[in-house]
């Protein structure tokens, strides 16, 4: 997952104060768009136009030198200084996929087979049923026996 970084000192920097809250809202949302779609800070013109007063707010960002024009689009200045570039994000994602593949392979190699284990537990249950206080003499399991076993198992009593 990618994150758009905003400097924690931005609240007192001259550029955001000169641009104003509305323009900084466009700046922030455009930054998250660029981060999500890995555009390396290129904000599509249609995206800016889709916001009320978008072109006017974008001009404020240009005036304070947070953005510049890029044809019909807009470009964050110093994007790669403060944000991860598309190539960096792709490298990190590839490394993460490789790390997870190794981890899954290691876990798969350490899984024990369940051969014979289920029948052993079933045999233990049968022994417990025979010793349960409500077991009938012919060895049949009643609903009370199942309830007794379930409670003993849930309470951690060894079977």
C-alpha atoms as a PDB file:
ATOM      1  CA  UNK A   1       0.000   0.000   0.000  1.00  0.00           C
ATOM      2  CA  UNK A   2       1.310   3.415  -0.909  1.00  0.00           C
ATOM      3  CA  UNK A   3       1.001   6.526   1.202  1.00  0.00           C
ATOM      4  CA  UNK A   4       1.127  10.184   0.232  1.00  0.00           C
ATOM      5  CA  UNK A   5       3.569  12.007   2.486  1.00  0.00           C
ATOM      6  CA  UNK A   6       2.832  15.480   3.827  1.00  0.00           C
ATOM      7  CA  UNK A   7       5.433  17.341   5.874  1.00  0.00           C
ATOM      8  CA  UNK A   8       4.382  17.772   9.499  1.00  0.00           C
ATOM      9  CA  UNK A   9       5.732  21.342   9.393  1.00  0.00           C
ATOM     10  CA  UNK A  10       3.525  22.268   6.431  1.00  0.00           C
ATOM     11  CA  UNK A  11       1.054  23.974   8.765  1.00  0.00           C
ATOM     12  CA  UNK A  12       3.446  26.880   9.233  1.00  0.00           C
ATOM     13  CA  UNK A  13       5.171  26.994   5.835  1.00  0.00           C
ATOM     14  CA  UNK A  14       4.584  30.056   3.661  1.00  0.00           C
ATOM     15  CA  UNK A  15       3.562  28.200   0.475  1.00  0.00           C
ATOM     16  CA  UNK A  16       0.488  26.436   1.908  1.00  0.00           C
ATOM     17  CA  UNK A  17      -0.563  29.571   3.761  1.00  0.00           C
ATOM     18  CA  UNK A  18      -0.339  31.626   0.550  1.00  0.00           C
ATOM     19  CA  UNK A  19      -2.193  28.976  -1.464  1.00  0.00           C
ATOM     20  CA  UNK A  20      -5.032  28.750   1.074  1.00  0.00           C
ATOM     21  CA  UNK A  21      -7.055  25.889   2.484  1.00  0.00           C
ATOM     22  CA  UNK A  22      -9.102  25.151  -0.642  1.00  0.00           C
ATOM     23  CA  UNK A  23      -6.033  24.923  -2.855  1.00  0.00           C
ATOM     24  CA  UNK A  24      -4.248  22.779  -0.266  1.00  0.00           C
ATOM     25  CA  UNK A  25      -7.266  20.460  -0.242  1.00  0.00           C
ATOM     26  CA  UNK A  26      -6.842  20.025  -3.995  1.00  0.00           C
ATOM     27  CA  UNK A  27      -3.098  19.530  -3.452  1.00  0.00           C
ATOM     28  CA  UNK A  28      -3.710  16.797  -0.866  1.00  0.00           C
ATOM     29  CA  UNK A  29      -6.382  14.911  -2.818  1.00  0.00           C
ATOM     30  CA  UNK A  30      -4.355  15.156  -6.001  1.00  0.00           C
ATOM     31  CA  UNK A  31      -1.356  13.781  -4.126  1.00  0.00           C
ATOM     32  CA  UNK A  32      -3.327  10.767  -2.982  1.00  0.00           C
ATOM     33  CA  UNK A  33      -4.552  10.266  -6.556  1.00  0.00           C
ATOM     34  CA  UNK A  34      -0.979  10.338  -7.861  1.00  0.00           C
ATOM     35  CA  UNK A  35       0.184   7.934  -5.162  1.00  0.00           C
ATOM     36  CA  UNK A  36      -2.687   5.525  -5.788  1.00  0.00           C
ATOM     37  CA  UNK A  37      -2.223   5.462  -9.564  1.00  0.00           C
ATOM     38  CA  UNK A  38       1.585   5.792  -9.472  1.00  0.00           C
ATOM     39  CA  UNK A  39       1.710   8.811 -11.784  1.00  0.00           C
ATOM     40  CA  UNK A  40       4.950  10.185 -10.273  1.00  0.00           C
ATOM     41  CA  UNK A  41       3.194  13.420  -9.397  1.00  0.00           C
ATOM     42  CA  UNK A  42       1.453  14.047 -12.708  1.00  0.00           C
ATOM     43  CA  UNK A  43      -2.092  15.250 -12.006  1.00  0.00           C
ATOM     44  CA  UNK A  44      -4.438  14.820 -14.977  1.00  0.00           C
ATOM     45  CA  UNK A  45      -6.139  18.007 -16.108  1.00  0.00           C
ATOM     46  CA  UNK A  46      -9.544  16.286 -16.096  1.00  0.00           C
ATOM     47  CA  UNK A  47      -9.043  15.427 -12.414  1.00  0.00           C
ATOM     48  CA  UNK A  48      -8.401  19.056 -11.515  1.00  0.00           C
ATOM     49  CA  UNK A  49     -11.384  20.177 -13.641  1.00  0.00           C
ATOM     50  CA  UNK A  50     -13.641  17.676 -11.865  1.00  0.00           C
ATOM     51  CA  UNK A  51     -13.434  19.750  -8.670  1.00  0.00           C
ATOM     52  CA  UNK A  52     -15.356  23.002  -8.151  1.00  0.00           C
ATOM     53  CA  UNK A  53     -13.009  25.919  -8.891  1.00  0.00           C
ATOM     54  CA  UNK A  54     -10.356  23.316  -9.799  1.00  0.00           C
ATOM     55  CA  UNK A  55      -8.536  25.400 -12.413  1.00  0.00           C
ATOM     56  CA  UNK A  56      -8.438  28.467 -10.159  1.00  0.00           C
ATOM     57  CA  UNK A  57      -7.148  26.424  -7.213  1.00  0.00           C
ATOM     58  CA  UNK A  58      -4.530  24.742  -9.408  1.00  0.00           C
ATOM     59  CA  UNK A  59      -3.316  28.195 -10.481  1.00  0.00           C
ATOM     60  CA  UNK A  60      -2.828  29.103  -6.815  1.00  0.00           C
ATOM     61  CA  UNK A  61      -0.651  26.003  -6.404  1.00  0.00           C
ATOM     62  CA  UNK A  62       1.348  27.037  -9.470  1.00  0.00           C
ATOM     63  CA  UNK A  63       1.713  30.599  -8.159  1.00  0.00           C
ATOM     64  CA  UNK A  64       3.258  29.399  -4.876  1.00  0.00           C
ATOM     65  CA  UNK A  65       5.466  26.898  -6.733  1.00  0.00           C
ATOM     66  CA  UNK A  66       3.934  23.662  -5.426  1.00  0.00           C
ATOM     67  CA  UNK A  67       2.871  22.670  -8.969  1.00  0.00           C
ATOM     68  CA  UNK A  68       3.739  23.506 -12.549  1.00  0.00           C
ATOM     69  CA  UNK A  69       1.862  23.054 -15.812  1.00  0.00           C
ATOM     70  CA  UNK A  70       2.608  19.951 -17.864  1.00  0.00           C
ATOM     71  CA  UNK A  71       0.662  20.492 -21.080  1.00  0.00           C
ATOM     72  CA  UNK A  72      -3.002  20.059 -20.160  1.00  0.00           C
ATOM     73  CA  UNK A  73      -1.983  18.443 -16.876  1.00  0.00           C
ATOM     74  CA  UNK A  74      -0.214  19.533 -13.707  1.00  0.00           C
ATOM     75  CA  UNK A  75       2.992  18.268 -12.107  1.00  0.00           C
ATOM     76  CA  UNK A  76       3.950  18.260  -8.430  1.00  0.00           C
ATOM     77  CA  UNK A  77       7.336  19.922  -8.003  1.00  0.00           C
ATOM     78  CA  UNK A  78       9.983  17.824  -6.220  1.00  0.00           C
ATOM     79  CA  UNK A  79       7.778  14.721  -6.276  1.00  0.00           C
ATOM     80  CA  UNK A  80      10.659  12.255  -6.052  1.00  0.00           C
ATOM     81  CA  UNK A  81      12.216  14.212  -3.193  1.00  0.00           C
ATOM     82  CA  UNK A  82       9.220  13.680  -0.884  1.00  0.00           C
ATOM     83  CA  UNK A  83       7.302  10.736  -2.401  1.00  0.00           C
ATOM     84  CA  UNK A  84       8.175   7.259  -3.584  1.00  0.00           C
ATOM     85  CA  UNK A  85       8.379   7.034  -7.354  1.00  0.00           C
ATOM     86  CA  UNK A  86       6.555   4.396  -9.379  1.00  0.00           C
ATOM     87  CA  UNK A  87       9.794   2.489  -9.947  1.00  0.00           C
ATOM     88  CA  UNK A  88      10.541   2.464  -6.192  1.00  0.00           C
ATOM     89  CA  UNK A  89       7.018   1.242  -5.358  1.00  0.00           C
ATOM     90  CA  UNK A  90       7.262  -1.495  -8.001  1.00  0.00           C
ATOM     91  CA  UNK A  91      10.649  -2.617  -6.625  1.00  0.00           C
ATOM     92  CA  UNK A  92       9.225  -2.761  -3.093  1.00  0.00           C
ATOM     93  CA  UNK A  93       6.183  -4.724  -4.261  1.00  0.00           C
ATOM     94  CA  UNK A  94       8.378  -7.235  -6.122  1.00  0.00           C
ATOM     95  CA  UNK A  95      10.602  -7.657  -3.046  1.00  0.00           C
ATOM     96  CA  UNK A  96       7.510  -8.145  -0.897  1.00  0.00           C
ATOM     97  CA  UNK A  97       6.117 -10.802  -3.276  1.00  0.00           C
ATOM     98  CA  UNK A  98       9.444 -12.657  -3.201  1.00  0.00           C
ATOM     99  CA  UNK A  99       9.626 -12.427   0.603  1.00  0.00           C
ATOM    100  CA  UNK A 100       6.060 -13.763   0.963  1.00  0.00           C
ATOM    101  CA  UNK A 101       6.712 -16.582  -1.528  1.00  0.00           C
ATOM    102  CA  UNK A 102       9.766 -17.674   0.493  1.00  0.00           C
ATOM    103  CA  UNK A 103       7.815 -17.461   3.730  1.00  0.00           C
ATOM    104  CA  UNK A 104       4.926 -19.510   2.349  1.00  0.00           C
ATOM    105  CA  UNK A 105       7.326 -22.101   0.929  1.00  0.00           C
ATOM    106  CA  UNK A 106       9.093 -22.409   4.306  1.00  0.00           C
ATOM    107  CA  UNK A 107       5.783 -22.812   6.136  1.00  0.00           C
ATOM    108  CA  UNK A 108       4.576 -25.395   3.596  1.00  0.00           C
ATOM    109  CA  UNK A 109       7.780 -27.383   4.069  1.00  0.00           C
ATOM    110  CA  UNK A 110       7.209 -27.499   7.838  1.00  0.00           C
ATOM    111  CA  UNK A 111       3.599 -28.719   7.787  1.00  0.00           C
ATOM    112  CA  UNK A 112       3.163 -32.183   9.257  1.00  0.00           C
ATOM    113  CA  UNK A 113       0.840 -34.634   7.580  1.00  0.00           C
ATOM    114  CA  UNK A 114      -2.424 -35.301   9.384  1.00  0.00           C
ATOM    115  CA  UNK A 115      -2.238 -39.033   8.708  1.00  0.00           C
ATOM    116  CA  UNK A 116      -3.586 -41.070  11.574  1.00  0.00           C
ATOM    117  CA  UNK A 117      -4.048 -38.146  13.894  1.00  0.00           C
ATOM    118  CA  UNK A 118      -7.803 -37.780  13.414  1.00  0.00           C
ATOM    119  CA  UNK A 119      -8.487 -41.424  14.224  1.00  0.00           C
ATOM    120  CA  UNK A 120      -6.336 -41.165  17.365  1.00  0.00           C
ATOM    121  CA  UNK A 121      -8.415 -38.248  18.596  1.00  0.00           C
ATOM    122  CA  UNK A 122     -11.573 -40.159  17.732  1.00  0.00           C
ATOM    123  CA  UNK A 123     -10.298 -43.163  19.716  1.00  0.00           C
ATOM    124  CA  UNK A 124      -9.585 -40.868  22.671  1.00  0.00           C
ATOM    125  CA  UNK A 125     -13.121 -39.517  22.454  1.00  0.00           C
ATOM    126  CA  UNK A 126     -14.499 -43.065  22.415  1.00  0.00           C
ATOM    127  CA  UNK A 127     -12.470 -43.941  25.521  1.00  0.00           C
ATOM    128  CA  UNK A 128     -13.781 -40.812  27.218  1.00  0.00           C
ATOM    129  CA  UNK A 129     -17.378 -41.625  26.265  1.00  0.00           C
ATOM    130  CA  UNK A 130     -17.077 -45.018  27.873  1.00  0.00           C
ATOM    131  CA  UNK A 131     -15.824 -43.344  31.043  1.00  0.00           C
ATOM    132  CA  UNK A 132     -18.396 -40.534  31.004  1.00  0.00           C
ATOM    133  CA  UNK A 133     -20.934 -40.495  33.809  1.00  0.00           C
ATOM    134  CA  UNK A 134     -23.843 -40.999  31.401  1.00  0.00           C
ATOM    135  CA  UNK A 135     -22.380 -43.676  29.154  1.00  0.00           C
ATOM    136  CA  UNK A 136     -24.797 -46.483  28.570  1.00  0.00           C
ATOM    137  CA  UNK A 137     -23.639 -50.035  29.022  1.00  0.00           C
ATOM    138  CA  UNK A 138     -23.763 -51.038  25.364  1.00  0.00           C
ATOM    139  CA  UNK A 139     -21.208 -48.342  24.385  1.00  0.00           C
ATOM    140  CA  UNK A 140     -23.570 -46.099  22.438  1.00  0.00           C
ATOM    141  CA  UNK A 141     -22.953 -42.370  22.590  1.00  0.00           C
ATOM    142  CA  UNK A 142     -25.849 -40.244  23.783  1.00  0.00           C
ATOM    143  CA  UNK A 143     -26.428 -36.519  23.402  1.00  0.00           C
ATOM    144  CA  UNK A 144     -25.432 -36.100  27.041  1.00  0.00           C
ATOM    145  CA  UNK A 145     -22.124 -37.856  26.320  1.00  0.00           C
ATOM    146  CA  UNK A 146     -21.369 -35.460  23.455  1.00  0.00           C
ATOM    147  CA  UNK A 147     -22.177 -32.468  25.664  1.00  0.00           C
ATOM    148  CA  UNK A 148     -19.926 -33.855  28.409  1.00  0.00           C
ATOM    149  CA  UNK A 149     -17.062 -34.363  25.963  1.00  0.00           C
ATOM    150  CA  UNK A 150     -17.475 -30.954  24.408  1.00  0.00           C
ATOM    151  CA  UNK A 151     -17.332 -29.264  27.806  1.00  0.00           C
ATOM    152  CA  UNK A 152     -14.308 -31.266  28.936  1.00  0.00           C
ATOM    153  CA  UNK A 153     -12.463 -30.573  25.687  1.00  0.00           C
ATOM    154  CA  UNK A 154     -13.313 -26.860  25.744  1.00  0.00           C
ATOM    155  CA  UNK A 155     -12.166 -26.537  29.353  1.00  0.00           C
ATOM    156  CA  UNK A 156      -8.778 -28.012  28.442  1.00  0.00           C
ATOM    157  CA  UNK A 157      -9.296 -31.279  30.289  1.00  0.00           C
ATOM    158  CA  UNK A 158      -7.013 -33.881  28.834  1.00  0.00           C
ATOM    159  CA  UNK A 159      -8.849 -36.677  27.143  1.00  0.00           C
END
